[in-house]
N, C-alpha and C. Protein backbone atom coordinates (compact mmCIF):
# COMPACT_ATOMS: atom_id res chain seq x y z
N UNK A 1 0.88 -1.31 0.04
CA UNK A 1 -0.09 0.27 -0.15
C UNK A 1 0.72 1.38 -0.05
N UNK A 2 2.00 1.19 0.72
CA UNK A 2 2.95 2.51 0.78
C UNK A 2 3.45 2.70 -0.54
N UNK A 3 3.55 1.72 -1.58
CA UNK A 3 3.77 1.97 -3.04
C UNK A 3 3.01 3.05 -3.55
N UNK A 4 1.75 2.97 -3.56
CA UNK A 4 0.75 3.82 -3.88
C UNK A 4 0.87 5.26 -3.20
N UNK A 5 1.23 5.19 -1.93
CA UNK A 5 1.23 6.39 -1.28
C UNK A 5 2.62 6.96 -1.89
N UNK A 6 3.68 6.45 -1.78
CA UNK A 6 4.80 7.12 -2.43
C UNK A 6 4.79 7.50 -3.79
N UNK A 7 3.99 6.97 -4.64
CA UNK A 7 3.72 7.33 -5.87
C UNK A 7 3.08 8.70 -5.91
N UNK A 8 2.03 8.76 -5.17
CA UNK A 8 1.09 10.03 -5.05
C UNK A 8 1.81 11.16 -4.69
N UNK A 9 2.79 10.87 -3.69
CA UNK A 9 3.58 12.03 -3.00
C UNK A 9 4.79 12.44 -4.06
N UNK A 10 5.27 11.50 -4.82
CA UNK A 10 6.15 11.78 -5.88
C UNK A 10 5.57 12.53 -6.83
N UNK A 11 4.58 12.38 -7.26
CA UNK A 11 3.88 12.91 -8.63
C UNK A 11 3.03 14.05 -8.37
N UNK A 12 2.67 14.34 -7.13
CA UNK A 12 1.91 15.71 -6.76
C UNK A 12 2.37 16.91 -7.50
N UNK A 13 3.82 17.23 -7.18
CA UNK A 13 4.25 18.55 -7.70
C UNK A 13 3.92 18.67 -9.39
N UNK A 14 4.33 17.63 -10.08
CA UNK A 14 3.94 17.65 -11.34
C UNK A 14 2.62 17.85 -11.78
N UNK A 15 1.66 17.18 -10.97
CA UNK A 15 0.34 17.10 -11.22
C UNK A 15 -0.15 18.52 -10.99
N UNK A 16 0.34 19.19 -9.92
CA UNK A 16 -0.05 20.58 -9.73
C UNK A 16 0.35 21.61 -10.67
N UNK A 17 1.62 21.39 -11.37
CA UNK A 17 2.17 22.24 -12.39
C UNK A 17 1.37 22.07 -13.64
N UNK A 18 0.94 20.78 -13.96
CA UNK A 18 0.08 20.70 -15.23
C UNK A 18 -1.34 21.42 -15.04
N UNK A 19 -1.82 21.48 -13.99
CA UNK A 19 -3.26 22.00 -13.55
C UNK A 19 -3.10 23.59 -13.50
N UNK A 20 -2.07 23.98 -13.14
CA UNK A 20 -1.96 25.46 -13.25
C UNK A 20 -1.37 26.19 -14.34
N UNK A 21 -0.65 25.30 -15.22
CA UNK A 21 0.27 26.19 -16.25
C UNK A 21 -0.54 26.97 -17.07
N UNK A 22 -1.88 26.76 -17.42
CA UNK A 22 -2.53 27.73 -18.22
C UNK A 22 -3.44 28.56 -17.68
N UNK A 23 -3.19 28.62 -16.33
CA UNK A 23 -4.06 29.66 -15.56
C UNK A 23 -3.51 31.09 -15.52
N UNK A 24 -4.31 32.03 -15.59
CA UNK A 24 -3.73 33.41 -15.77
C UNK A 24 -3.52 33.82 -14.09
N UNK A 25 -2.74 34.85 -14.02
CA UNK A 25 -2.52 35.16 -12.60
C UNK A 25 -3.76 35.70 -11.77
N UNK A 26 -4.48 36.20 -12.43
CA UNK A 26 -5.90 36.49 -11.81
C UNK A 26 -6.75 35.21 -11.48
N UNK A 27 -6.59 34.19 -12.26
CA UNK A 27 -7.40 33.06 -12.03
C UNK A 27 -6.59 32.17 -10.76
N UNK A 28 -5.25 32.45 -10.58
CA UNK A 28 -4.48 31.89 -9.79
C UNK A 28 -4.93 32.42 -8.35
N UNK A 29 -5.09 33.74 -8.33
CA UNK A 29 -5.56 34.51 -7.16
C UNK A 29 -6.98 34.64 -6.67
N UNK A 30 -7.67 34.49 -7.93
CA UNK A 30 -9.31 34.39 -7.25
C UNK A 30 -9.59 33.20 -6.46
N UNK A 31 -10.43 33.68 -5.47
CA UNK A 31 -11.05 32.88 -4.54
C UNK A 31 -12.50 32.52 -5.04
N UNK A 32 -12.93 31.25 -4.89
CA UNK A 32 -14.12 30.85 -5.49
C UNK A 32 -15.45 31.15 -4.78
N UNK A 33 -14.95 31.50 -3.26
CA UNK A 33 -16.04 32.07 -2.38
C UNK A 33 -15.14 32.79 -1.18
N UNK A 34 -15.93 33.82 -0.53
CA UNK A 34 -14.87 34.38 0.50
C UNK A 34 -14.23 33.47 1.61
N UNK A 35 -14.95 32.35 1.88
CA UNK A 35 -14.29 31.56 2.83
C UNK A 35 -13.51 30.29 2.20
N UNK A 36 -13.22 30.37 0.89
CA UNK A 36 -12.40 29.41 0.13
C UNK A 36 -10.86 29.82 -0.26
N UNK A 37 -10.07 29.08 -0.32
CA UNK A 37 -8.84 29.53 -0.60
C UNK A 37 -8.79 29.52 -2.10
N UNK A 38 -7.68 30.34 -2.60
CA UNK A 38 -7.52 30.59 -3.97
C UNK A 38 -6.27 29.56 -4.47
N UNK A 39 -6.02 29.42 -5.58
CA UNK A 39 -4.90 28.34 -6.10
C UNK A 39 -3.38 28.88 -5.37
N UNK A 40 -3.36 30.13 -5.49
CA UNK A 40 -2.16 30.70 -4.93
C UNK A 40 -2.02 30.33 -3.46
N UNK A 41 -3.13 30.49 -2.73
CA UNK A 41 -3.16 30.13 -1.10
C UNK A 41 -2.92 28.58 -0.97
N UNK A 42 -3.59 27.77 -1.84
CA UNK A 42 -3.29 26.38 -1.96
C UNK A 42 -1.77 25.86 -2.04
N UNK A 43 -1.44 26.53 -3.09
CA UNK A 43 0.21 26.28 -3.16
C UNK A 43 1.07 26.69 -2.22
N UNK A 44 0.78 27.84 -1.56
CA UNK A 44 1.39 28.47 -0.46
C UNK A 44 1.29 27.50 0.68
N UNK A 45 0.22 26.92 1.11
CA UNK A 45 -0.09 26.04 2.05
C UNK A 45 0.70 24.73 1.96
N UNK A 46 0.65 24.25 0.69
CA UNK A 46 1.43 22.96 0.50
C UNK A 46 2.84 22.89 0.73
N UNK A 47 3.36 24.05 0.26
CA UNK A 47 4.86 24.59 0.34
C UNK A 47 5.19 24.69 1.92
N UNK A 48 4.25 25.43 2.77
CA UNK A 48 4.43 25.74 4.01
C UNK A 48 4.30 24.29 4.79
N UNK A 49 3.31 23.43 4.63
CA UNK A 49 2.83 22.39 5.43
C UNK A 49 3.91 21.12 5.19
N UNK A 50 4.52 21.24 4.01
CA UNK A 50 5.61 20.19 3.85
C UNK A 50 6.44 19.64 4.92
N UNK A 51 7.34 20.87 5.58
CA UNK A 51 8.08 20.54 6.48
C UNK A 51 7.33 20.61 7.95
N UNK A 52 6.53 21.61 8.37
CA UNK A 52 6.17 21.96 9.75
C UNK A 52 4.75 20.85 9.88
N UNK A 53 4.15 20.49 8.86
CA UNK A 53 3.16 19.67 9.14
C UNK A 53 3.20 18.15 9.00
N UNK A 54 4.26 17.81 7.89
CA UNK A 54 4.25 16.54 7.62
C UNK A 54 5.97 16.04 8.13
N UNK A 55 6.73 16.37 7.35
CA UNK A 55 8.18 15.81 7.61
C UNK A 55 8.34 15.90 9.02
N UNK A 56 8.28 17.02 9.86
CA UNK A 56 8.60 17.05 11.20
C UNK A 56 8.05 16.06 12.06
N UNK A 57 6.66 16.04 11.84
CA UNK A 57 6.08 15.12 12.59
C UNK A 57 6.64 13.59 12.45
N UNK A 58 6.69 13.13 11.19
CA UNK A 58 7.42 11.91 11.01
C UNK A 58 8.66 11.74 11.53
N UNK A 59 9.43 12.76 11.52
CA UNK A 59 10.97 12.58 12.22
C UNK A 59 10.76 12.62 13.43
N UNK A 60 9.67 13.23 14.05
CA UNK A 60 9.72 13.31 15.59
C UNK A 60 9.16 11.77 16.06
N UNK A 61 8.41 11.32 15.40
CA UNK A 61 8.16 9.81 15.75
C UNK A 61 9.22 8.77 15.31
N UNK A 62 9.98 9.08 14.53
CA UNK A 62 11.32 8.15 14.31
C UNK A 62 12.19 8.15 15.55
N UNK A 63 12.30 9.55 15.64
CA UNK A 63 13.41 10.05 16.72
C UNK A 63 13.34 10.01 18.14
N UNK A 64 11.94 10.04 18.31
CA UNK A 64 11.73 10.29 19.83
C UNK A 64 10.52 9.21 20.30
N UNK A 65 10.66 9.01 21.47
CA UNK A 65 9.45 7.92 22.01
C UNK A 65 8.11 8.62 22.09
N UNK A 66 7.07 8.05 21.45
CA UNK A 66 5.68 8.60 21.44
C UNK A 66 5.84 10.37 21.76
N UNK A 67 6.27 10.90 20.52
CA UNK A 67 6.41 12.32 21.05
C UNK A 67 4.91 12.95 20.86
N UNK A 68 4.81 14.11 21.43
CA UNK A 68 3.52 14.79 21.20
C UNK A 68 3.50 15.48 19.93
N UNK A 69 2.68 15.49 18.96
CA UNK A 69 2.64 15.87 17.83
C UNK A 69 1.68 17.24 17.72
N UNK A 70 2.19 18.37 17.49
CA UNK A 70 1.30 19.72 17.50
C UNK A 70 0.27 19.79 16.43
N UNK A 71 -0.65 20.52 16.71
CA UNK A 71 -1.99 20.92 16.05
C UNK A 71 -1.31 21.84 14.89
N UNK A 72 -1.65 21.83 13.42
CA UNK A 72 -1.26 22.59 12.59
C UNK A 72 -2.66 23.28 12.24
N UNK A 73 -2.72 24.89 12.59
CA UNK A 73 -3.97 25.51 12.40
C UNK A 73 -3.86 26.29 10.90
N UNK A 74 -4.23 25.52 10.10
CA UNK A 74 -4.11 25.92 8.63
C UNK A 74 -4.67 27.45 8.42
N UNK A 75 -5.74 27.67 8.92
CA UNK A 75 -6.38 29.17 8.83
C UNK A 75 -5.63 29.99 9.37
N UNK A 76 -5.24 29.80 10.47
CA UNK A 76 -3.99 30.84 11.30
C UNK A 76 -2.85 30.97 10.62
N UNK A 77 -2.33 29.92 10.28
CA UNK A 77 -1.04 29.84 9.47
C UNK A 77 -1.14 30.54 7.93
N UNK A 78 -2.26 30.39 7.46
CA UNK A 78 -2.56 31.17 6.14
C UNK A 78 -2.49 32.56 6.21
N UNK A 79 -3.00 33.13 7.50
CA UNK A 79 -3.10 34.28 7.67
C UNK A 79 -1.66 35.08 8.20
N UNK A 80 -1.07 34.30 9.18
CA UNK A 80 0.34 34.61 9.73
C UNK A 80 1.28 34.68 8.58
N UNK A 81 1.32 33.69 7.46
CA UNK A 81 2.41 33.65 6.47
C UNK A 81 1.96 34.51 5.31
N UNK A 82 0.79 35.04 5.18
CA UNK A 82 0.35 35.62 4.21
C UNK A 82 0.40 34.89 2.95
N UNK A 83 -0.36 33.66 2.81
CA UNK A 83 -0.51 32.83 1.90
C UNK A 83 -0.93 33.70 0.50
N UNK A 84 -1.89 34.56 0.75
CA UNK A 84 -2.39 35.34 -0.50
C UNK A 84 -1.53 36.39 -0.87
N UNK A 85 -0.24 36.29 -0.42
CA UNK A 85 0.59 37.09 -1.39
C UNK A 85 1.92 36.35 -1.79
N UNK A 86 1.95 35.19 -1.62
CA UNK A 86 3.11 34.27 -1.91
C UNK A 86 3.03 34.18 -3.36
N UNK A 87 4.39 34.08 -4.02
CA UNK A 87 4.37 33.88 -5.57
C UNK A 87 4.10 32.41 -5.91
N UNK A 88 3.20 32.18 -6.77
CA UNK A 88 2.93 30.97 -7.10
C UNK A 88 4.06 29.98 -7.53
N UNK A 89 4.69 30.55 -8.48
CA UNK A 89 5.94 29.74 -8.80
C UNK A 89 6.91 29.46 -7.99
N UNK A 90 7.35 30.36 -6.96
CA UNK A 90 8.31 30.05 -6.02
C UNK A 90 7.67 29.00 -4.86
N UNK A 91 6.20 29.19 -4.66
CA UNK A 91 5.74 28.07 -3.80
C UNK A 91 5.80 26.79 -4.26
N UNK A 92 5.39 26.53 -5.60
CA UNK A 92 5.60 25.18 -6.23
C UNK A 92 7.03 24.71 -6.50
N UNK A 93 7.78 25.76 -6.97
CA UNK A 93 9.27 25.32 -6.89
C UNK A 93 9.75 24.68 -5.65
N UNK A 94 9.45 25.60 -4.36
CA UNK A 94 9.91 25.19 -3.22
C UNK A 94 9.21 23.72 -2.79
N UNK A 95 8.08 23.48 -3.04
CA UNK A 95 7.34 22.42 -2.52
C UNK A 95 8.08 21.17 -3.29
N UNK A 96 8.19 21.39 -4.77
CA UNK A 96 9.04 20.30 -5.47
C UNK A 96 10.31 19.85 -5.09
N UNK A 97 11.12 20.80 -4.49
CA UNK A 97 12.45 20.45 -3.94
C UNK A 97 12.20 19.86 -2.66
N UNK A 98 11.39 20.25 -1.62
CA UNK A 98 11.28 19.52 -0.39
C UNK A 98 10.74 18.28 -0.67
N UNK A 99 9.76 18.12 -1.73
CA UNK A 99 9.02 16.89 -1.92
C UNK A 99 10.27 15.64 -2.35
N UNK A 100 10.92 16.11 -3.31
CA UNK A 100 12.09 15.32 -3.93
C UNK A 100 12.78 14.74 -2.85
N UNK A 101 13.13 15.49 -1.85
CA UNK A 101 14.11 15.19 -0.65
C UNK A 101 13.31 14.26 0.15
N UNK A 102 11.89 14.72 0.58
CA UNK A 102 11.21 13.85 1.51
C UNK A 102 10.76 12.43 1.00
N UNK A 103 10.65 12.48 -0.30
CA UNK A 103 10.20 11.04 -1.00
C UNK A 103 11.26 9.95 -0.77
N UNK A 104 12.50 10.75 -1.15
CA UNK A 104 13.68 9.84 -1.18
C UNK A 104 13.96 9.46 0.30
N UNK A 105 13.81 10.21 1.30
CA UNK A 105 13.83 9.96 2.87
C UNK A 105 12.85 8.83 3.13
N UNK A 106 11.63 9.00 2.84
CA UNK A 106 10.39 8.27 3.18
C UNK A 106 10.67 6.89 2.61
N UNK A 107 11.25 6.68 1.23
CA UNK A 107 11.29 5.32 0.77
C UNK A 107 12.52 4.61 1.56
N UNK A 108 13.32 5.30 2.27
CA UNK A 108 14.44 4.42 3.16
C UNK A 108 14.05 4.02 4.53
N UNK A 109 12.57 4.56 4.82
CA UNK A 109 12.18 3.99 6.16
C UNK A 109 12.06 2.45 6.36
N UNK A 110 12.50 1.94 7.28
CA UNK A 110 12.18 0.61 7.55
C UNK A 110 10.88 0.20 8.21
N UNK A 111 10.44 -0.92 8.09
CA UNK A 111 9.07 -1.44 8.59
C UNK A 111 9.00 -1.11 10.01
N UNK A 112 10.08 -1.30 10.86
CA UNK A 112 9.98 -1.03 12.29
C UNK A 112 9.61 0.50 12.49
N UNK A 113 10.40 1.53 11.67
CA UNK A 113 10.24 2.70 11.87
C UNK A 113 8.66 3.20 11.32
N UNK A 114 8.08 2.41 10.39
CA UNK A 114 6.81 2.75 10.14
C UNK A 114 5.75 2.39 11.03
N UNK A 115 6.22 1.55 12.07
CA UNK A 115 5.25 1.30 13.16
C UNK A 115 5.34 2.17 14.38
N UNK A 116 6.37 3.00 14.39
CA UNK A 116 6.56 3.95 15.50
C UNK A 116 5.29 4.72 15.51
N UNK A 117 5.12 5.15 16.95
CA UNK A 117 3.81 6.11 17.14
C UNK A 117 4.24 7.46 17.79
N UNK A 118 3.30 8.50 17.66
CA UNK A 118 3.26 9.55 18.26
C UNK A 118 1.77 10.09 18.66
N UNK A 119 1.75 10.99 19.51
CA UNK A 119 0.24 11.30 19.97
C UNK A 119 0.19 12.71 19.39
N UNK A 120 -0.88 12.66 18.49
CA UNK A 120 -1.58 14.25 17.81
C UNK A 120 -2.25 14.77 18.87
N UNK A 121 -2.10 15.90 19.24
CA UNK A 121 -2.65 16.59 20.39
C UNK A 121 -4.25 16.87 20.34
N UNK A 122 -4.62 16.63 19.02
CA UNK A 122 -6.13 16.75 18.73
C UNK A 122 -6.75 15.50 18.34
N UNK A 123 -6.03 14.59 17.94
CA UNK A 123 -6.66 13.05 17.28
C UNK A 123 -6.23 11.90 18.32
N UNK A 124 -5.19 12.09 18.92
CA UNK A 124 -4.63 10.80 19.78
C UNK A 124 -3.41 10.36 19.16
N UNK A 125 -3.52 8.87 19.16
CA UNK A 125 -2.20 8.27 18.75
C UNK A 125 -2.37 7.86 17.29
N UNK A 126 -1.00 8.23 16.68
CA UNK A 126 -1.00 7.82 15.14
C UNK A 126 0.52 7.19 14.87
N UNK A 127 0.42 6.32 13.99
CA UNK A 127 1.80 5.75 13.56
C UNK A 127 2.56 6.62 12.32
N UNK A 128 3.63 6.12 12.19
CA UNK A 128 4.34 6.99 11.01
C UNK A 128 3.66 6.39 9.62
N UNK A 129 3.39 5.29 9.51
CA UNK A 129 2.64 4.59 8.36
C UNK A 129 1.33 5.66 8.20
N UNK A 130 0.63 5.69 9.19
CA UNK A 130 -0.63 6.47 8.97
C UNK A 130 -0.48 8.06 8.65
N UNK A 131 0.57 8.26 9.21
CA UNK A 131 0.96 9.99 8.87
C UNK A 131 1.32 9.96 7.51
N UNK A 132 2.34 9.12 6.86
CA UNK A 132 2.56 8.98 5.56
C UNK A 132 1.23 8.98 4.68
N UNK A 133 0.73 8.15 5.10
CA UNK A 133 -0.46 7.80 4.36
C UNK A 133 -1.36 9.21 4.30
N UNK A 134 -1.60 9.72 5.42
CA UNK A 134 -2.42 11.13 5.31
C UNK A 134 -1.73 12.08 4.69
N UNK A 135 -0.44 12.27 4.41
CA UNK A 135 0.13 13.05 3.60
C UNK A 135 -0.20 13.10 2.29
N UNK A 136 -0.43 11.66 1.63
CA UNK A 136 -0.65 11.55 0.53
C UNK A 136 -2.27 12.21 0.44
N UNK A 137 -2.92 11.51 1.26
CA UNK A 137 -4.50 11.98 1.28
C UNK A 137 -4.56 13.50 1.28
N UNK A 138 -3.89 14.16 1.92
CA UNK A 138 -3.74 15.66 2.06
C UNK A 138 -3.50 16.19 0.77
N UNK A 139 -2.57 15.64 -0.16
CA UNK A 139 -2.06 16.04 -1.40
C UNK A 139 -3.39 15.80 -2.26
N UNK A 140 -4.06 14.79 -2.26
CA UNK A 140 -5.24 14.56 -3.11
C UNK A 140 -6.40 15.46 -2.86
N UNK A 141 -6.54 15.75 -1.65
CA UNK A 141 -7.50 16.75 -1.21
C UNK A 141 -7.58 18.06 -1.87
N UNK A 142 -6.13 18.46 -1.91
CA UNK A 142 -5.64 19.87 -2.34
C UNK A 142 -5.81 19.88 -3.91
N UNK A 143 -5.33 18.70 -4.50
CA UNK A 143 -5.30 18.61 -5.89
C UNK A 143 -6.80 18.81 -6.43
N UNK A 144 -7.62 18.06 -5.53
CA UNK A 144 -9.14 18.13 -5.92
C UNK A 144 -9.70 19.68 -5.74
N UNK A 145 -9.13 20.30 -4.68
CA UNK A 145 -9.68 21.56 -4.53
C UNK A 145 -9.17 22.62 -5.55
N UNK A 146 -7.93 22.35 -6.20
CA UNK A 146 -7.71 23.16 -7.29
C UNK A 146 -8.60 22.87 -8.53
N UNK A 147 -8.81 21.54 -8.74
CA UNK A 147 -9.78 21.33 -10.01
C UNK A 147 -11.16 21.98 -9.71
N UNK A 148 -11.50 22.06 -8.54
CA UNK A 148 -12.99 22.70 -8.12
C UNK A 148 -12.73 24.02 -8.37
N UNK A 149 -11.72 24.72 -8.07
CA UNK A 149 -11.59 26.14 -8.27
C UNK A 149 -11.70 26.40 -9.75
N UNK A 150 -10.99 25.62 -10.62
CA UNK A 150 -11.02 25.64 -11.92
C UNK A 150 -12.43 25.47 -12.72
N UNK A 151 -12.87 24.59 -11.89
CA UNK A 151 -14.64 24.29 -12.37
C UNK A 151 -15.36 25.55 -12.11
N UNK A 152 -15.22 25.86 -10.77
CA UNK A 152 -15.93 27.34 -10.68
C UNK A 152 -15.68 28.33 -11.60
N UNK A 153 -14.57 28.55 -12.10
CA UNK A 153 -14.34 29.39 -13.09
C UNK A 153 -14.86 29.23 -14.43
N UNK A 154 -15.03 28.19 -14.80
CA UNK A 154 -15.77 27.70 -16.14
C UNK A 154 -17.48 27.84 -15.93
N UNK A 155 -17.96 27.55 -14.64
CA UNK A 155 -19.36 27.58 -14.43
C UNK A 155 -20.13 28.82 -15.11
N UNK A 156 -19.60 30.04 -15.03
CA UNK A 156 -20.51 31.09 -15.62
C UNK A 156 -20.47 31.12 -16.99
N UNK A 157 -19.53 30.40 -17.48
CA UNK A 157 -19.49 30.50 -19.04
C UNK A 157 -20.33 29.10 -19.77
N UNK A 158 -20.84 28.38 -18.96
CA UNK A 158 -21.63 27.28 -19.69
C UNK A 158 -23.13 27.57 -19.92
N UNK A 159 -23.56 28.79 -19.84
CA UNK A 159 -24.88 29.11 -20.17
C UNK A 159 -25.85 28.27 -19.55
N UNK A 160 -27.02 27.97 -20.30
CA UNK A 160 -28.07 27.26 -19.60
C UNK A 160 -27.89 25.92 -19.15
N UNK A 161 -26.69 25.37 -19.43
CA UNK A 161 -26.38 23.96 -18.83
C UNK A 161 -25.82 24.01 -17.63
N UNK A 162 -26.08 25.36 -16.99
CA UNK A 162 -25.73 25.59 -15.40
C UNK A 162 -27.01 24.67 -14.80
N UNK A 163 -28.08 24.57 -15.49
CA UNK A 163 -29.21 24.01 -14.84
C UNK A 163 -29.00 22.70 -14.33
N UNK A 164 -27.90 22.10 -14.94
CA UNK A 164 -27.63 20.65 -14.63
C UNK A 164 -26.77 20.36 -13.29
N UNK A 165 -26.04 21.64 -12.77
CA UNK A 165 -25.18 21.60 -11.98
C UNK A 165 -25.36 22.42 -10.71
N UNK A 166 -24.80 22.11 -9.53
CA UNK A 166 -24.87 22.91 -8.44
C UNK A 166 -23.45 23.06 -7.73
N UNK A 167 -23.09 24.31 -7.60
CA UNK A 167 -21.71 24.47 -6.96
C UNK A 167 -21.93 24.59 -5.46
N UNK A 168 -21.17 23.98 -4.72
CA UNK A 168 -21.35 24.00 -3.16
C UNK A 168 -20.18 25.09 -2.65
């Protein structure tokens, strides 16, 4: 199962690149709704969370005995780190660099390391394998989010065919 997880993690930056390559600067910055992130913010988040929310937690579980894993408040972090002002290209390039390094590191983990555990302050006990799987799940959620943003951009231009669709 981790083979699939590693494949998702390894290919996410290229998938993101393909999805955004034809988007204009304005399309990258537009929020589909006031309480939803833009593509620019999603990419800044993925870059930011790569180390703090993902790798550091896995490393802590490998290096320490049942460490406490901090909560990552993504909304607070988005405000503090001004995700809405980040350069899309720099965010994606940084994510791609970090991800290459992280996937190489993850693939070297031994089965005994994958079983090690930590205690997340909000959800309780979690293993390295579960955290790495969540990492891929997280990627797919944000890829879906970007596709949905692109979909929202097309919606006004489909005329009367809007009768067949509702946007949430």
